[in-house]
Amino acid sequence: MQLSSGAYMKKVEDIKEEVVEEESSIKKILILIVGIFIVLLIISFVFVTFPIADIIEGKSESRIITNNTINLGNFSIVLENGTYETLQKIYFSNPKVEMSACLLGKKEGDYYLVNDLYRPRVFSQAFNEILFEACSNETIIILHSHPYKHCIASETDIETLNKTKQQNPGVLMVIMCEAKRFAVYS
């Protein structure tokens, strides 16, 4: 079967239209994918930047206290003899500045049993920092607060913990970032 030149040209034009339609569909899909990607980037920039990112990370690293116990999976901290209530009173006494406490007790198996605390001498305190006297070697947990919902330890916190561990290897550092939320570092 032979095509006339007019029919041949019509067939070529039909093929060209199909190719153009396919290219147009592919372009539309690519534009849609790029558009969704850009929207996701904008959303992540707006919602997952400082301080939101720190708060989200802090939530994942911290634990809620339940029945005076902070359960961390491989070990637990139990606040006995009213120590949790005392910590809450200290925490709420001046929420505009960070606070500190040295927790005393003993470690039995997978449990840090806290039965007493004292407040070390404070040299300076502000909304986002506190400088206090080192806790005694009998301290099993060095605790201080951070601004509300900011549970991540700072570099200074980690340095302090590492220096303290040289004298007291079993000590923990706990950051109280809400009345019932604690981040624990060992």
C-alpha atoms as a PDB file:
ATOM      1  CA  MET A   1       0.000   0.000   0.000  1.00  0.00           C
ATOM      2  CA  GLN A   2       1.352   3.303  -1.077  1.00  0.00           C
ATOM      3  CA  LEU A   3       0.627   6.589   0.622  1.00  0.00           C
ATOM      4  CA  SER A   4       0.106   9.732  -1.331  1.00  0.00           C
ATOM      5  CA  SER A   5       2.394  12.580  -0.427  1.00  0.00           C
ATOM      6  CA  GLY A   6      -0.497  14.360   1.292  1.00  0.00           C
ATOM      7  CA  ALA A   7      -1.382  11.283   3.351  1.00  0.00           C
ATOM      8  CA  TYR A   8       2.313  10.751   4.106  1.00  0.00           C
ATOM      9  CA  MET A   9       2.614  14.348   5.351  1.00  0.00           C
ATOM     10  CA  LYS A  10      -0.530  13.893   7.462  1.00  0.00           C
ATOM     11  CA  LYS A  11       0.924  10.729   9.002  1.00  0.00           C
ATOM     12  CA  VAL A  12       4.188  12.567   9.824  1.00  0.00           C
ATOM     13  CA  GLU A  13       2.228  15.431  11.386  1.00  0.00           C
ATOM     14  CA  ASP A  14       0.233  12.966  13.536  1.00  0.00           C
ATOM     15  CA  ILE A  15       3.482  11.412  14.761  1.00  0.00           C
ATOM     16  CA  LYS A  16       4.923  14.872  15.504  1.00  0.00           C
ATOM     17  CA  GLU A  17       1.794  15.772  17.524  1.00  0.00           C
ATOM     18  CA  GLU A  18       2.059  12.565  19.539  1.00  0.00           C
ATOM     19  CA  VAL A  19       5.745  13.296  20.299  1.00  0.00           C
ATOM     20  CA  VAL A  20       4.907  16.882  21.288  1.00  0.00           C
ATOM     21  CA  GLU A  21       2.065  15.636  23.529  1.00  0.00           C
ATOM     22  CA  GLU A  22       4.411  13.112  25.197  1.00  0.00           C
ATOM     23  CA  GLU A  23       7.072  15.808  25.728  1.00  0.00           C
ATOM     24  CA  SER A  24       4.421  18.134  27.137  1.00  0.00           C
ATOM     25  CA  SER A  25       3.240  15.465  29.597  1.00  0.00           C
ATOM     26  CA  ILE A  26       6.806  14.734  30.697  1.00  0.00           C
ATOM     27  CA  LYS A  27       7.458  18.483  31.161  1.00  0.00           C
ATOM     28  CA  LYS A  28       4.287  18.824  33.242  1.00  0.00           C
ATOM     29  CA  ILE A  29       5.306  15.902  35.455  1.00  0.00           C
ATOM     30  CA  LEU A  30       8.844  17.299  35.886  1.00  0.00           C
ATOM     31  CA  ILE A  31       7.504  20.765  36.725  1.00  0.00           C
ATOM     32  CA  LEU A  32       5.125  19.217  39.273  1.00  0.00           C
ATOM     33  CA  ILE A  33       7.957  17.207  40.907  1.00  0.00           C
ATOM     34  CA  VAL A  34      10.272  20.241  41.031  1.00  0.00           C
ATOM     35  CA  GLY A  35       7.430  22.364  42.434  1.00  0.00           C
ATOM     36  CA  ILE A  36       6.683  19.844  45.194  1.00  0.00           C
ATOM     37  CA  PHE A  37      10.395  19.639  46.011  1.00  0.00           C
ATOM     38  CA  ILE A  38      10.656  23.444  46.302  1.00  0.00           C
ATOM     39  CA  VAL A  39       7.569  23.608  48.522  1.00  0.00           C
ATOM     40  CA  LEU A  40       9.055  20.901  50.789  1.00  0.00           C
ATOM     41  CA  LEU A  41      12.324  22.846  50.999  1.00  0.00           C
ATOM     42  CA  ILE A  42      10.474  26.009  51.977  1.00  0.00           C
ATOM     43  CA  ILE A  43       8.411  24.161  54.580  1.00  0.00           C
ATOM     44  CA  SER A  44      11.511  22.525  56.051  1.00  0.00           C
ATOM     45  CA  PHE A  45      13.279  25.885  56.187  1.00  0.00           C
ATOM     46  CA  VAL A  46      10.362  27.561  57.946  1.00  0.00           C
ATOM     47  CA  PHE A  47       9.444  24.772  60.347  1.00  0.00           C
ATOM     48  CA  VAL A  48      12.698  22.899  60.955  1.00  0.00           C
ATOM     49  CA  THR A  49      15.175  25.669  61.692  1.00  0.00           C
ATOM     50  CA  PHE A  50      16.450  27.086  64.956  1.00  0.00           C
ATOM     51  CA  PRO A  51      14.838  26.877  67.477  1.00  0.00           C
ATOM     52  CA  ILE A  52      12.291  24.397  66.135  1.00  0.00           C
ATOM     53  CA  ALA A  53      14.954  21.879  65.093  1.00  0.00           C
ATOM     54  CA  ASP A  54      16.506  21.991  68.580  1.00  0.00           C
ATOM     55  CA  ILE A  55      13.129  21.419  70.198  1.00  0.00           C
ATOM     56  CA  ILE A  56      12.348  18.466  67.929  1.00  0.00           C
ATOM     57  CA  GLU A  57      15.792  16.941  68.536  1.00  0.00           C
ATOM     58  CA  GLY A  58      15.428  17.569  72.279  1.00  0.00           C
ATOM     59  CA  LYS A  59      12.084  15.767  72.354  1.00  0.00           C
ATOM     60  CA  SER A  60      13.666  12.715  70.775  1.00  0.00           C
ATOM     61  CA  GLU A  61      16.647  12.706  73.181  1.00  0.00           C
ATOM     62  CA  SER A  62      14.729  13.382  76.382  1.00  0.00           C
ATOM     63  CA  ARG A  63      12.318  11.387  78.529  1.00  0.00           C
ATOM     64  CA  ILE A  64       9.211  12.158  80.561  1.00  0.00           C
ATOM     65  CA  ILE A  65       9.366  11.268  84.244  1.00  0.00           C
ATOM     66  CA  THR A  66       6.670   8.804  85.324  1.00  0.00           C
ATOM     67  CA  ASN A  67       6.062   7.806  88.944  1.00  0.00           C
ATOM     68  CA  ASN A  68       9.291   9.592  89.973  1.00  0.00           C
ATOM     69  CA  THR A  69      11.258   7.439  87.498  1.00  0.00           C
ATOM     70  CA  ILE A  70      13.111   8.427  84.341  1.00  0.00           C
ATOM     71  CA  ASN A  71      13.284   5.221  82.321  1.00  0.00           C
ATOM     72  CA  LEU A  72      16.069   5.192  79.735  1.00  0.00           C
ATOM     73  CA  GLY A  73      15.794   1.614  78.556  1.00  0.00           C
ATOM     74  CA  ASN A  74      19.170   0.295  79.688  1.00  0.00           C
ATOM     75  CA  PHE A  75      18.954   2.032  83.082  1.00  0.00           C
ATOM     76  CA  SER A  76      16.566   4.161  85.167  1.00  0.00           C
ATOM     77  CA  ILE A  77      16.805   7.091  87.543  1.00  0.00           C
ATOM     78  CA  VAL A  78      14.480   6.908  90.546  1.00  0.00           C
ATOM     79  CA  LEU A  79      13.890  10.116  92.540  1.00  0.00           C
ATOM     80  CA  GLU A  80      13.039   9.072  96.101  1.00  0.00           C
ATOM     81  CA  ASN A  81      12.317  10.869  99.400  1.00  0.00           C
ATOM     82  CA  GLY A  82      10.629  13.865  97.778  1.00  0.00           C
ATOM     83  CA  THR A  83      13.630  14.812  95.625  1.00  0.00           C
ATOM     84  CA  TYR A  84      11.472  15.216  92.521  1.00  0.00           C
ATOM     85  CA  GLU A  85       9.092  17.556  94.331  1.00  0.00           C
ATOM     86  CA  THR A  86      12.077  19.561  95.608  1.00  0.00           C
ATOM     87  CA  LEU A  87      13.461  19.811  92.068  1.00  0.00           C
ATOM     88  CA  GLN A  88      10.124  21.086  90.810  1.00  0.00           C
ATOM     89  CA  LYS A  89      10.034  23.756  93.531  1.00  0.00           C
ATOM     90  CA  ILE A  90      13.548  24.886  92.595  1.00  0.00           C
ATOM     91  CA  TYR A  91      12.689  24.776  88.875  1.00  0.00           C
ATOM     92  CA  PHE A  92       9.563  26.910  89.310  1.00  0.00           C
ATOM     93  CA  SER A  93      11.044  29.286  91.915  1.00  0.00           C
ATOM     94  CA  ASN A  94      12.705  31.395  89.212  1.00  0.00           C
ATOM     95  CA  PRO A  95      11.866  30.133  85.711  1.00  0.00           C
ATOM     96  CA  LYS A  96      13.625  33.104  84.092  1.00  0.00           C
ATOM     97  CA  VAL A  97      17.075  31.648  84.840  1.00  0.00           C
ATOM     98  CA  GLU A  98      18.719  28.241  84.780  1.00  0.00           C
ATOM     99  CA  MET A  99      19.100  26.338  88.061  1.00  0.00           C
ATOM    100  CA  SER A 100      21.440  23.591  89.267  1.00  0.00           C
ATOM    101  CA  ALA A 101      21.413  20.775  91.801  1.00  0.00           C
ATOM    102  CA  CYS A 102      23.723  17.960  92.872  1.00  0.00           C
ATOM    103  CA  LEU A 103      21.812  14.708  93.353  1.00  0.00           C
ATOM    104  CA  LEU A 104      22.987  12.194  95.943  1.00  0.00           C
ATOM    105  CA  GLY A 105      22.211   8.514  96.347  1.00  0.00           C
ATOM    106  CA  LYS A 106      23.559   5.244  95.017  1.00  0.00           C
ATOM    107  CA  LYS A 107      23.654   3.086  91.936  1.00  0.00           C
ATOM    108  CA  GLU A 108      22.198  -0.395  92.338  1.00  0.00           C
ATOM    109  CA  GLY A 109      22.301  -2.511  89.209  1.00  0.00           C
ATOM    110  CA  ASP A 110      20.467  -0.639  86.471  1.00  0.00           C
ATOM    111  CA  TYR A 111      19.046   1.956  88.873  1.00  0.00           C
ATOM    112  CA  TYR A 112      20.349   5.318  90.029  1.00  0.00           C
ATOM    113  CA  LEU A 113      18.498   5.795  93.317  1.00  0.00           C
ATOM    114  CA  VAL A 114      18.432   9.477  94.276  1.00  0.00           C
ATOM    115  CA  ASN A 115      17.500  10.134  97.899  1.00  0.00           C
ATOM    116  CA  ASP A 116      18.838  13.647  98.535  1.00  0.00           C
ATOM    117  CA  LEU A 117      20.101  16.752  96.769  1.00  0.00           C
ATOM    118  CA  TYR A 118      21.844  19.992  97.478  1.00  0.00           C
ATOM    119  CA  ARG A 119      22.293  23.190  95.543  1.00  0.00           C
ATOM    120  CA  PRO A 120      25.864  24.154  94.746  1.00  0.00           C
ATOM    121  CA  ARG A 121      27.052  27.728  95.028  1.00  0.00           C
ATOM    122  CA  VAL A 122      26.073  29.678  91.914  1.00  0.00           C
ATOM    123  CA  PHE A 123      28.513  32.203  90.477  1.00  0.00           C
ATOM    124  CA  SER A 124      26.220  33.496  87.728  1.00  0.00           C
ATOM    125  CA  GLN A 125      22.956  32.516  86.141  1.00  0.00           C
ATOM    126  CA  ALA A 126      20.979  33.744  83.184  1.00  0.00           C
ATOM    127  CA  PHE A 127      18.137  32.581  80.974  1.00  0.00           C
ATOM    128  CA  ASN A 128      20.397  30.288  78.962  1.00  0.00           C
ATOM    129  CA  GLU A 129      23.400  29.566  81.182  1.00  0.00           C
ATOM    130  CA  ILE A 130      24.499  28.910  84.720  1.00  0.00           C
ATOM    131  CA  LEU A 131      27.967  28.837  86.246  1.00  0.00           C
ATOM    132  CA  PHE A 132      28.101  26.894  89.504  1.00  0.00           C
ATOM    133  CA  GLU A 133      30.557  25.268  91.870  1.00  0.00           C
ATOM    134  CA  ALA A 134      31.490  21.667  91.054  1.00  0.00           C
ATOM    135  CA  CYS A 135      29.404  19.023  92.780  1.00  0.00           C
ATOM    136  CA  SER A 136      31.067  16.788  95.368  1.00  0.00           C
ATOM    137  CA  ASN A 137      32.448  13.354  94.472  1.00  0.00           C
ATOM    138  CA  GLU A 138      29.477  11.778  96.288  1.00  0.00           C
ATOM    139  CA  THR A 139      27.188  13.224  93.624  1.00  0.00           C
ATOM    140  CA  ILE A 140      25.687  10.607  91.321  1.00  0.00           C
ATOM    141  CA  ILE A 141      23.890  13.119  89.068  1.00  0.00           C
ATOM    142  CA  ILE A 142      24.727  16.696  88.136  1.00  0.00           C
ATOM    143  CA  LEU A 143      21.458  18.364  87.204  1.00  0.00           C
ATOM    144  CA  HIS A 144      20.760  21.754  85.738  1.00  0.00           C
ATOM    145  CA  SER A 145      17.912  23.258  83.786  1.00  0.00           C
ATOM    146  CA  HIS A 146      17.788  24.662  80.291  1.00  0.00           C
ATOM    147  CA  PRO A 147      15.299  27.072  78.763  1.00  0.00           C
ATOM    148  CA  TYR A 148      11.859  25.574  78.232  1.00  0.00           C
ATOM    149  CA  LYS A 149      11.875  22.672  75.716  1.00  0.00           C
ATOM    150  CA  HIS A 150      15.611  23.013  74.959  1.00  0.00           C
ATOM    151  CA  CYS A 151      16.876  19.630  76.120  1.00  0.00           C
ATOM    152  CA  ILE A 152      20.119  19.237  74.190  1.00  0.00           C
ATOM    153  CA  ALA A 153      23.388  19.469  76.120  1.00  0.00           C
ATOM    154  CA  SER A 154      25.733  22.243  75.037  1.00  0.00           C
ATOM    155  CA  GLU A 155      29.440  21.772  74.370  1.00  0.00           C
ATOM    156  CA  THR A 156      30.113  23.336  77.771  1.00  0.00           C
ATOM    157  CA  ASP A 157      27.769  20.806  79.398  1.00  0.00           C
ATOM    158  CA  ILE A 158      29.609  17.896  77.768  1.00  0.00           C
ATOM    159  CA  GLU A 159      33.014  19.354  78.750  1.00  0.00           C
ATOM    160  CA  THR A 160      31.807  19.720  82.346  1.00  0.00           C
ATOM    161  CA  LEU A 161      30.557  16.129  82.363  1.00  0.00           C
ATOM    162  CA  ASN A 162      33.845  14.814  80.949  1.00  0.00           C
ATOM    163  CA  LYS A 163      35.918  16.748  83.535  1.00  0.00           C
ATOM    164  CA  THR A 164      33.694  15.501  86.355  1.00  0.00           C
ATOM    165  CA  LYS A 165      33.994  11.897  85.112  1.00  0.00           C
ATOM    166  CA  GLN A 166      37.765  12.097  85.658  1.00  0.00           C
ATOM    167  CA  GLN A 167      37.091  12.438  89.399  1.00  0.00           C
ATOM    168  CA  ASN A 168      33.774  10.585  89.549  1.00  0.00           C
ATOM    169  CA  PRO A 169      33.492   8.026  86.683  1.00  0.00           C
ATOM    170  CA  GLY A 170      29.894   6.923  87.378  1.00  0.00           C
ATOM    171  CA  VAL A 171      28.352  10.396  87.407  1.00  0.00           C
ATOM    172  CA  LEU A 172      25.520  11.344  85.043  1.00  0.00           C
ATOM    173  CA  MET A 173      24.456  14.752  83.787  1.00  0.00           C
ATOM    174  CA  VAL A 174      20.726  15.450  83.606  1.00  0.00           C
ATOM    175  CA  ILE A 175      19.151  18.448  81.939  1.00  0.00           C
ATOM    176  CA  MET A 176      15.707  19.454  83.135  1.00  0.00           C
ATOM    177  CA  CYS A 177      14.018  21.221  80.219  1.00  0.00           C
ATOM    178  CA  GLU A 178      10.398  21.047  81.359  1.00  0.00           C
ATOM    179  CA  ALA A 179       8.880  20.228  84.723  1.00  0.00           C
ATOM    180  CA  LYS A 180       8.473  16.591  83.654  1.00  0.00           C
ATOM    181  CA  ARG A 181      11.064  16.241  80.843  1.00  0.00           C
ATOM    182  CA  PHE A 182      14.707  15.295  81.329  1.00  0.00           C
ATOM    183  CA  ALA A 183      17.655  14.588  79.015  1.00  0.00           C
ATOM    184  CA  VAL A 184      20.294  12.262  80.443  1.00  0.00           C
ATOM    185  CA  TYR A 185      23.963  12.123  79.453  1.00  0.00           C
ATOM    186  CA  SER A 186      26.476   9.556  80.693  1.00  0.00           C
END
